[in-house]
Amino acid sequence: MKDRTGYWKKNLRLLTILLSVWFIVSFGFGILFVDVLNTVRIGGFKLGFWFAQQGSIYVFIALIFIYVQRMNRLEKEYDLDE
């Protein structure tokens, strides 16, 4: 078994990256950059509105799948998988 400190450092780094992406998409695209994004339309809806209502949810679901895939790989690397 490898060093568990390395495992936790990689785990926390992954969490930091994924939560940063989620924050940027949900808060940044949905609130801060909404005026800039509203100049673009998708299916008749302004892009800022779309991110605030649906886009951030889709990104969050994608981040869950990315987290699961990466954690499975990390657990195999440190011999922690079942």
N, C-alpha and C. Protein backbone atom coordinates (compact mmCIF):
# COMPACT_ATOMS: atom_id res chain seq x y z
N MET A 1 0.84 -1.17 0.00
CA MET A 1 0.00 0.00 0.00
C MET A 1 0.89 1.24 0.00
N LYS A 2 0.51 2.21 -0.81
CA LYS A 2 1.27 3.44 -0.90
C LYS A 2 0.90 4.39 0.23
N ASP A 3 1.60 5.48 0.29
CA ASP A 3 1.41 6.51 1.32
C ASP A 3 0.00 7.10 1.23
N ARG A 4 -0.72 7.08 2.34
CA ARG A 4 -2.08 7.63 2.35
C ARG A 4 -2.09 9.15 2.33
N THR A 5 -1.00 9.78 2.72
CA THR A 5 -0.93 11.23 2.64
C THR A 5 -0.99 11.67 1.18
N GLY A 6 -0.32 10.95 0.32
CA GLY A 6 -0.38 11.25 -1.11
C GLY A 6 -1.78 11.06 -1.67
N TYR A 7 -2.45 10.04 -1.17
CA TYR A 7 -3.83 9.79 -1.60
C TYR A 7 -4.72 10.97 -1.24
N TRP A 8 -4.62 11.44 -0.01
CA TRP A 8 -5.47 12.54 0.42
C TRP A 8 -5.12 13.84 -0.26
N LYS A 9 -3.84 14.06 -0.54
CA LYS A 9 -3.46 15.27 -1.27
C LYS A 9 -4.08 15.26 -2.66
N LYS A 10 -4.02 14.12 -3.34
CA LYS A 10 -4.62 14.02 -4.68
C LYS A 10 -6.13 14.13 -4.62
N ASN A 11 -6.73 13.53 -3.59
CA ASN A 11 -8.17 13.59 -3.42
C ASN A 11 -8.62 15.04 -3.20
N LEU A 12 -7.97 15.76 -2.31
CA LEU A 12 -8.33 17.15 -2.05
C LEU A 12 -8.05 18.05 -3.24
N ARG A 13 -7.01 17.76 -3.98
CA ARG A 13 -6.72 18.54 -5.19
C ARG A 13 -7.83 18.35 -6.21
N LEU A 14 -8.28 17.11 -6.40
CA LEU A 14 -9.38 16.83 -7.31
C LEU A 14 -10.66 17.54 -6.87
N LEU A 15 -10.96 17.47 -5.57
CA LEU A 15 -12.14 18.15 -5.05
C LEU A 15 -12.07 19.66 -5.27
N THR A 16 -10.91 20.22 -5.04
CA THR A 16 -10.72 21.67 -5.23
C THR A 16 -10.96 22.06 -6.68
N ILE A 17 -10.43 21.30 -7.61
CA ILE A 17 -10.60 21.59 -9.03
C ILE A 17 -12.07 21.48 -9.43
N LEU A 18 -12.72 20.39 -9.03
CA LEU A 18 -14.11 20.17 -9.43
C LEU A 18 -15.05 21.19 -8.79
N LEU A 19 -14.82 21.53 -7.53
CA LEU A 19 -15.66 22.53 -6.89
C LEU A 19 -15.42 23.92 -7.47
N SER A 20 -14.21 24.19 -7.91
CA SER A 20 -13.91 25.47 -8.57
C SER A 20 -14.66 25.57 -9.90
N VAL A 21 -14.66 24.49 -10.66
CA VAL A 21 -15.40 24.47 -11.92
C VAL A 21 -16.88 24.69 -11.66
N TRP A 22 -17.41 24.01 -10.65
CA TRP A 22 -18.82 24.14 -10.32
C TRP A 22 -19.14 25.58 -9.90
N PHE A 23 -18.27 26.19 -9.10
CA PHE A 23 -18.49 27.57 -8.67
C PHE A 23 -18.47 28.52 -9.86
N ILE A 24 -17.49 28.36 -10.73
CA ILE A 24 -17.37 29.24 -11.90
C ILE A 24 -18.61 29.12 -12.78
N VAL A 25 -19.06 27.90 -13.01
CA VAL A 25 -20.21 27.70 -13.89
C VAL A 25 -21.50 28.20 -13.23
N SER A 26 -21.73 27.83 -11.98
CA SER A 26 -23.00 28.19 -11.36
C SER A 26 -23.05 29.66 -10.95
N PHE A 27 -22.04 30.14 -10.24
CA PHE A 27 -22.05 31.52 -9.77
C PHE A 27 -21.55 32.48 -10.84
N GLY A 28 -20.45 32.11 -11.49
CA GLY A 28 -19.86 32.98 -12.50
C GLY A 28 -20.73 33.14 -13.72
N PHE A 29 -21.09 32.02 -14.36
CA PHE A 29 -21.88 32.09 -15.59
C PHE A 29 -23.32 32.47 -15.32
N GLY A 30 -23.87 32.04 -14.18
CA GLY A 30 -25.26 32.30 -13.89
C GLY A 30 -25.54 33.66 -13.28
N ILE A 31 -24.52 34.29 -12.66
CA ILE A 31 -24.75 35.58 -11.98
C ILE A 31 -23.78 36.66 -12.45
N LEU A 32 -22.48 36.40 -12.34
CA LEU A 32 -21.49 37.45 -12.63
C LEU A 32 -21.39 37.80 -14.11
N PHE A 33 -21.35 36.80 -14.97
CA PHE A 33 -21.15 37.03 -16.40
C PHE A 33 -22.45 36.92 -17.19
N VAL A 34 -23.58 37.04 -16.51
CA VAL A 34 -24.87 36.83 -17.16
C VAL A 34 -25.11 37.85 -18.27
N ASP A 35 -24.72 39.08 -18.09
CA ASP A 35 -24.95 40.10 -19.12
C ASP A 35 -24.16 39.81 -20.39
N VAL A 36 -22.93 39.37 -20.23
CA VAL A 36 -22.10 39.03 -21.39
C VAL A 36 -22.67 37.80 -22.10
N LEU A 37 -23.05 36.79 -21.32
CA LEU A 37 -23.57 35.56 -21.91
C LEU A 37 -24.94 35.74 -22.54
N ASN A 38 -25.69 36.73 -22.07
CA ASN A 38 -27.03 36.94 -22.62
C ASN A 38 -27.01 37.48 -24.05
N THR A 39 -25.86 37.86 -24.55
CA THR A 39 -25.77 38.29 -25.94
C THR A 39 -25.84 37.11 -26.90
N VAL A 40 -25.64 35.89 -26.37
CA VAL A 40 -25.72 34.66 -27.16
C VAL A 40 -27.03 33.96 -26.84
N ARG A 41 -27.66 33.40 -27.86
CA ARG A 41 -28.93 32.70 -27.65
C ARG A 41 -28.80 31.24 -28.05
N ILE A 42 -29.45 30.38 -27.27
CA ILE A 42 -29.52 28.94 -27.57
C ILE A 42 -30.99 28.57 -27.55
N GLY A 43 -31.49 28.13 -28.67
CA GLY A 43 -32.90 27.73 -28.76
C GLY A 43 -33.87 28.84 -28.38
N GLY A 44 -33.50 30.07 -28.64
CA GLY A 44 -34.36 31.20 -28.32
C GLY A 44 -34.18 31.75 -26.92
N PHE A 45 -33.39 31.07 -26.10
CA PHE A 45 -33.15 31.53 -24.74
C PHE A 45 -31.76 32.14 -24.63
N LYS A 46 -31.63 33.15 -23.81
CA LYS A 46 -30.34 33.78 -23.59
C LYS A 46 -29.42 32.80 -22.85
N LEU A 47 -28.14 32.80 -23.23
CA LEU A 47 -27.20 31.83 -22.68
C LEU A 47 -27.02 32.00 -21.17
N GLY A 48 -27.01 33.23 -20.67
CA GLY A 48 -26.90 33.46 -19.22
C GLY A 48 -28.07 32.86 -18.47
N PHE A 49 -29.27 33.04 -19.01
CA PHE A 49 -30.47 32.43 -18.42
C PHE A 49 -30.37 30.92 -18.46
N TRP A 50 -29.90 30.38 -19.58
CA TRP A 50 -29.78 28.92 -19.73
C TRP A 50 -28.83 28.35 -18.69
N PHE A 51 -27.66 29.00 -18.50
CA PHE A 51 -26.71 28.51 -17.50
C PHE A 51 -27.30 28.60 -16.10
N ALA A 52 -28.01 29.67 -15.80
CA ALA A 52 -28.59 29.83 -14.48
C ALA A 52 -29.67 28.78 -14.21
N GLN A 53 -30.43 28.41 -15.23
CA GLN A 53 -31.55 27.50 -15.04
C GLN A 53 -31.19 26.03 -15.28
N GLN A 54 -30.38 25.74 -16.29
CA GLN A 54 -30.14 24.34 -16.65
C GLN A 54 -28.67 24.00 -16.78
N GLY A 55 -27.88 24.89 -17.33
CA GLY A 55 -26.49 24.58 -17.64
C GLY A 55 -25.68 24.18 -16.42
N SER A 56 -25.87 24.88 -15.31
CA SER A 56 -25.10 24.56 -14.12
C SER A 56 -25.50 23.19 -13.56
N ILE A 57 -26.75 22.79 -13.75
CA ILE A 57 -27.19 21.47 -13.30
C ILE A 57 -26.52 20.39 -14.14
N TYR A 58 -26.47 20.59 -15.46
CA TYR A 58 -25.82 19.62 -16.33
C TYR A 58 -24.33 19.50 -16.01
N VAL A 59 -23.70 20.62 -15.76
CA VAL A 59 -22.27 20.60 -15.41
C VAL A 59 -22.08 19.88 -14.09
N PHE A 60 -22.94 20.12 -13.11
CA PHE A 60 -22.84 19.46 -11.82
C PHE A 60 -22.96 17.94 -11.97
N ILE A 61 -23.90 17.48 -12.78
CA ILE A 61 -24.06 16.04 -13.00
C ILE A 61 -22.82 15.46 -13.68
N ALA A 62 -22.28 16.19 -14.66
CA ALA A 62 -21.05 15.73 -15.33
C ALA A 62 -19.89 15.67 -14.34
N LEU A 63 -19.81 16.63 -13.42
CA LEU A 63 -18.73 16.63 -12.43
C LEU A 63 -18.85 15.44 -11.48
N ILE A 64 -20.06 15.00 -11.19
CA ILE A 64 -20.24 13.82 -10.35
C ILE A 64 -19.65 12.59 -11.04
N PHE A 65 -19.95 12.44 -12.33
CA PHE A 65 -19.41 11.29 -13.07
C PHE A 65 -17.89 11.37 -13.20
N ILE A 66 -17.36 12.56 -13.41
CA ILE A 66 -15.91 12.74 -13.48
C ILE A 66 -15.27 12.39 -12.14
N TYR A 67 -15.90 12.82 -11.04
CA TYR A 67 -15.37 12.52 -9.71
C TYR A 67 -15.33 11.01 -9.46
N VAL A 68 -16.40 10.32 -9.80
CA VAL A 68 -16.47 8.88 -9.59
C VAL A 68 -15.38 8.18 -10.40
N GLN A 69 -15.24 8.56 -11.65
CA GLN A 69 -14.24 7.93 -12.52
C GLN A 69 -12.83 8.18 -12.00
N ARG A 70 -12.55 9.42 -11.63
CA ARG A 70 -11.21 9.75 -11.13
C ARG A 70 -10.91 9.09 -9.78
N MET A 71 -11.92 9.02 -8.90
CA MET A 71 -11.70 8.39 -7.60
C MET A 71 -11.49 6.89 -7.74
N ASN A 72 -12.19 6.26 -8.66
CA ASN A 72 -11.95 4.83 -8.91
C ASN A 72 -10.52 4.60 -9.36
N ARG A 73 -10.04 5.46 -10.23
CA ARG A 73 -8.66 5.35 -10.71
C ARG A 73 -7.67 5.60 -9.57
N LEU A 74 -7.95 6.60 -8.74
CA LEU A 74 -7.06 6.94 -7.62
C LEU A 74 -7.03 5.82 -6.59
N GLU A 75 -8.18 5.22 -6.31
CA GLU A 75 -8.23 4.13 -5.34
C GLU A 75 -7.48 2.91 -5.85
N LYS A 76 -7.53 2.64 -7.13
CA LYS A 76 -6.75 1.53 -7.69
C LYS A 76 -5.26 1.83 -7.59
N GLU A 77 -4.89 3.08 -7.83
CA GLU A 77 -3.49 3.48 -7.74
C GLU A 77 -2.93 3.26 -6.33
N TYR A 78 -3.73 3.49 -5.32
CA TYR A 78 -3.28 3.36 -3.93
C TYR A 78 -3.77 2.06 -3.28
N ASP A 79 -4.21 1.12 -4.07
CA ASP A 79 -4.67 -0.18 -3.59
C ASP A 79 -5.75 -0.07 -2.53
N LEU A 80 -6.69 0.83 -2.74
CA LEU A 80 -7.81 1.02 -1.81
C LEU A 80 -9.13 0.56 -2.40
N ASP A 81 -9.09 0.04 -3.62
CA ASP A 81 -10.34 -0.40 -4.24
C ASP A 81 -10.78 -1.72 -3.65
N GLU A 82 -12.06 -2.00 -3.78
CA GLU A 82 -12.61 -3.22 -3.19
C GLU A 82 -12.44 -4.39 -4.11
